[in-house]
């Protein structure tokens, strides 16, 4: 068991736990401090606004009769299991990919907890410009975005290093053969 955590991407599971705690603490703080839909202007382009999102990103399917709660709970549960398995199968050398998985897992579990316990996700980060408000979001959404960005970045950088490793290996093989 110890080898599973030291030799795989699971060694970065602590990142999942840290951001899961930050996500849940901030959501509970907002829910306990603000009235529903109350807004606090922080900067000219940023508010803290307490809202509920029974749907998915950008309130997708939020106006449905309630079935979406269990649908999105199931999707988040499956995604969490998939990312945990991927972390367990990722070699420790693929550090950036493992960290990306840890971020995404944290966000998925953070929103899963809200959805399963409350029936909606607590959102409160409200960016706006010239009267246009972007969809409110939370820490879980932020770490999912960061994890996805890291995965994309890693896909470009990792493939380059794989090609250079293959080229080095091929040149060494040719030297040994020649």
Protein backbone atom coordinates (compact mmCIF):
# COMPACT_ATOMS: atom_id res chain seq x y z
CA UNK A 1 0.00 0.00 0.00
CA UNK A 2 2.83 2.39 0.85
CA UNK A 3 4.37 1.72 -2.57
CA UNK A 4 1.07 2.61 -4.23
CA UNK A 5 1.24 6.08 -2.70
CA UNK A 6 4.97 6.62 -3.16
CA UNK A 7 5.32 5.27 -6.72
CA UNK A 8 2.17 6.68 -8.35
CA UNK A 9 0.28 9.91 -8.78
CA UNK A 10 -1.49 9.19 -5.48
CA UNK A 11 1.48 10.84 -3.77
CA UNK A 12 -0.23 14.15 -4.75
CA UNK A 13 -3.54 13.25 -3.11
CA UNK A 14 -2.72 15.74 -0.35
CA UNK A 15 -3.39 18.53 -2.89
CA UNK A 16 -6.89 17.13 -3.34
CA UNK A 17 -7.46 17.20 0.41
CA UNK A 18 -6.09 20.74 0.87
CA UNK A 19 -8.24 22.27 -1.87
CA UNK A 20 -11.27 20.23 -0.83
CA UNK A 21 -10.98 21.72 2.66
CA UNK A 22 -10.50 25.24 1.27
CA UNK A 23 -13.53 24.77 -1.00
CA UNK A 24 -15.80 23.50 1.75
CA UNK A 25 -14.67 26.07 4.33
CA UNK A 26 -15.23 28.98 1.92
CA UNK A 27 -18.67 27.68 0.90
CA UNK A 28 -19.74 27.24 4.52
CA UNK A 29 -18.37 30.68 5.39
CA UNK A 30 -20.35 32.31 2.57
CA UNK A 31 -23.54 30.40 3.43
CA UNK A 32 -23.18 31.31 7.11
CA UNK A 33 -22.24 34.95 6.55
CA UNK A 34 -24.40 36.10 3.62
CA UNK A 35 -28.11 36.05 2.98
CA UNK A 36 -29.06 34.23 -0.21
CA UNK A 37 -28.27 36.50 -3.20
CA UNK A 38 -26.51 39.05 -0.97
CA UNK A 39 -23.58 40.75 -2.66
CA UNK A 40 -20.46 42.36 -1.27
CA UNK A 41 -18.47 44.52 -3.71
CA UNK A 42 -14.77 43.73 -3.25
CA UNK A 43 -13.27 45.38 -6.34
CA UNK A 44 -14.85 47.32 -9.22
CA UNK A 45 -14.84 44.06 -11.23
CA UNK A 46 -15.36 41.47 -8.47
CA UNK A 47 -18.09 40.71 -5.92
CA UNK A 48 -18.77 38.02 -3.41
CA UNK A 49 -22.35 36.96 -4.19
CA UNK A 50 -24.01 34.02 -2.48
CA UNK A 51 -26.01 31.96 -5.01
CA UNK A 52 -27.16 28.38 -5.46
CA UNK A 53 -26.59 26.49 -8.69
CA UNK A 54 -28.78 23.39 -9.05
CA UNK A 55 -27.44 22.88 -12.58
CA UNK A 56 -23.97 22.39 -14.00
CA UNK A 57 -21.53 24.93 -15.44
CA UNK A 58 -23.23 28.20 -16.39
CA UNK A 59 -26.41 26.87 -14.70
CA UNK A 60 -26.92 24.27 -17.42
CA UNK A 61 -30.17 22.36 -16.68
CA UNK A 62 -30.74 24.44 -13.52
CA UNK A 63 -34.41 25.01 -14.36
CA UNK A 64 -35.32 21.30 -14.47
CA UNK A 65 -37.56 19.59 -11.95
CA UNK A 66 -34.84 18.22 -9.67
CA UNK A 67 -33.74 15.10 -11.55
CA UNK A 68 -30.54 16.91 -12.52
CA UNK A 69 -29.36 16.77 -8.89
CA UNK A 70 -28.96 13.00 -9.07
CA UNK A 71 -27.74 13.07 -12.66
CA UNK A 72 -24.91 15.49 -11.82
CA UNK A 73 -24.22 13.64 -8.55
CA UNK A 74 -23.74 10.43 -10.55
CA UNK A 75 -21.50 12.14 -13.09
CA UNK A 76 -19.35 13.72 -10.35
CA UNK A 77 -19.12 10.37 -8.53
CA UNK A 78 -18.01 8.56 -11.67
CA UNK A 79 -15.56 11.33 -12.58
CA UNK A 80 -14.07 11.24 -9.07
CA UNK A 81 -13.52 7.49 -9.28
CA UNK A 82 -12.00 7.81 -12.75
CA UNK A 83 -9.55 10.54 -11.67
CA UNK A 84 -8.60 8.58 -8.55
CA UNK A 85 -7.88 5.48 -10.67
CA UNK A 86 -5.90 7.57 -13.17
CA UNK A 87 -3.84 8.98 -10.30
CA UNK A 88 -3.16 5.44 -9.08
CA UNK A 89 -2.05 4.36 -12.56
CA UNK A 90 0.09 7.42 -13.31
CA UNK A 91 3.80 6.86 -12.62
CA UNK A 92 5.38 9.26 -10.14
CA UNK A 93 7.58 10.65 -12.92
CA UNK A 94 4.51 12.25 -14.49
CA UNK A 95 4.29 14.82 -11.73
CA UNK A 96 2.40 17.55 -13.59
CA UNK A 97 -0.27 15.16 -14.86
CA UNK A 98 -0.73 13.75 -11.35
CA UNK A 99 -1.08 17.25 -9.91
CA UNK A 100 -3.64 18.09 -12.60
CA UNK A 101 -5.64 14.98 -11.66
CA UNK A 102 -5.43 15.97 -7.97
CA UNK A 103 -6.85 19.43 -8.71
CA UNK A 104 -9.70 18.08 -10.83
CA UNK A 105 -10.52 15.39 -8.26
CA UNK A 106 -10.66 18.02 -5.54
CA UNK A 107 -13.12 20.15 -7.47
CA UNK A 108 -15.27 17.20 -8.47
CA UNK A 109 -15.54 15.98 -4.88
CA UNK A 110 -16.14 19.50 -3.54
CA UNK A 111 -19.11 20.05 -5.83
CA UNK A 112 -20.27 16.46 -5.33
CA UNK A 113 -20.54 17.04 -1.58
CA UNK A 114 -22.69 20.14 -2.12
CA UNK A 115 -24.91 18.51 -4.69
CA UNK A 116 -25.47 15.32 -2.68
CA UNK A 117 -26.07 17.08 0.64
CA UNK A 118 -27.81 20.29 -0.46
CA UNK A 119 -29.19 19.59 -3.92
CA UNK A 120 -27.22 22.49 -5.39
CA UNK A 121 -23.71 23.89 -5.50
CA UNK A 122 -22.82 27.02 -3.55
CA UNK A 123 -21.25 29.64 -5.80
CA UNK A 124 -19.95 33.02 -4.70
CA UNK A 125 -17.12 34.30 -6.90
CA UNK A 126 -18.74 36.90 -9.16
CA UNK A 127 -16.62 38.67 -11.78
CA UNK A 128 -18.21 41.39 -13.87
CA UNK A 129 -17.34 44.08 -16.40
CA UNK A 130 -19.37 46.90 -17.92
CA UNK A 131 -22.60 45.57 -16.41
CA UNK A 132 -22.04 42.01 -17.64
CA UNK A 133 -21.70 39.36 -14.93
CA UNK A 134 -19.96 36.12 -15.76
CA UNK A 135 -21.42 32.98 -14.22
CA UNK A 136 -20.67 32.85 -10.49
CA UNK A 137 -18.40 30.02 -9.46
CA UNK A 138 -16.51 28.65 -6.45
CA UNK A 139 -13.12 27.25 -5.43
CA UNK A 140 -14.02 23.75 -6.69
CA UNK A 141 -14.78 25.14 -10.13
CA UNK A 142 -11.51 27.07 -10.05
CA UNK A 143 -9.37 24.04 -9.26
CA UNK A 144 -11.14 22.00 -11.96
CA UNK A 145 -10.19 24.74 -14.42
CA UNK A 146 -6.60 24.85 -13.14
CA UNK A 147 -6.34 21.05 -13.37
CA UNK A 148 -7.69 21.03 -16.92
CA UNK A 149 -5.26 23.79 -17.92
CA UNK A 150 -2.38 21.81 -16.39
CA UNK A 151 -3.47 18.70 -18.31
CA UNK A 152 -3.47 20.65 -21.58
CA UNK A 153 -0.08 22.19 -20.79
CA UNK A 154 1.31 18.80 -19.82
CA UNK A 155 0.03 17.23 -23.04
CA UNK A 156 2.15 19.67 -25.04
CA UNK A 157 5.26 19.52 -22.86
CA UNK A 158 5.15 15.81 -22.11
CA UNK A 159 4.87 14.75 -25.74
CA UNK A 160 7.94 16.87 -26.58
CA UNK A 161 9.98 15.21 -23.83
CA UNK A 162 8.82 11.77 -24.99
CA UNK A 163 10.08 12.50 -28.52
CA UNK A 164 13.46 13.71 -27.22
CA UNK A 165 13.73 10.63 -24.96
CA UNK A 166 13.01 8.37 -27.97
CA UNK A 167 15.58 10.24 -30.07
CA UNK A 168 18.21 9.87 -27.31
CA UNK A 169 17.39 6.18 -26.98
CA UNK A 170 17.61 5.64 -30.76
CA UNK A 171 20.97 7.42 -31.02
CA UNK A 172 22.38 5.36 -28.14
CA UNK A 173 21.11 2.17 -29.80
CA UNK A 174 22.75 3.12 -33.10
CA UNK A 175 26.07 3.83 -31.31
CA UNK A 176 25.96 0.42 -29.63
CA UNK A 177 25.08 -1.32 -32.90
CA UNK A 178 27.69 0.62 -34.96
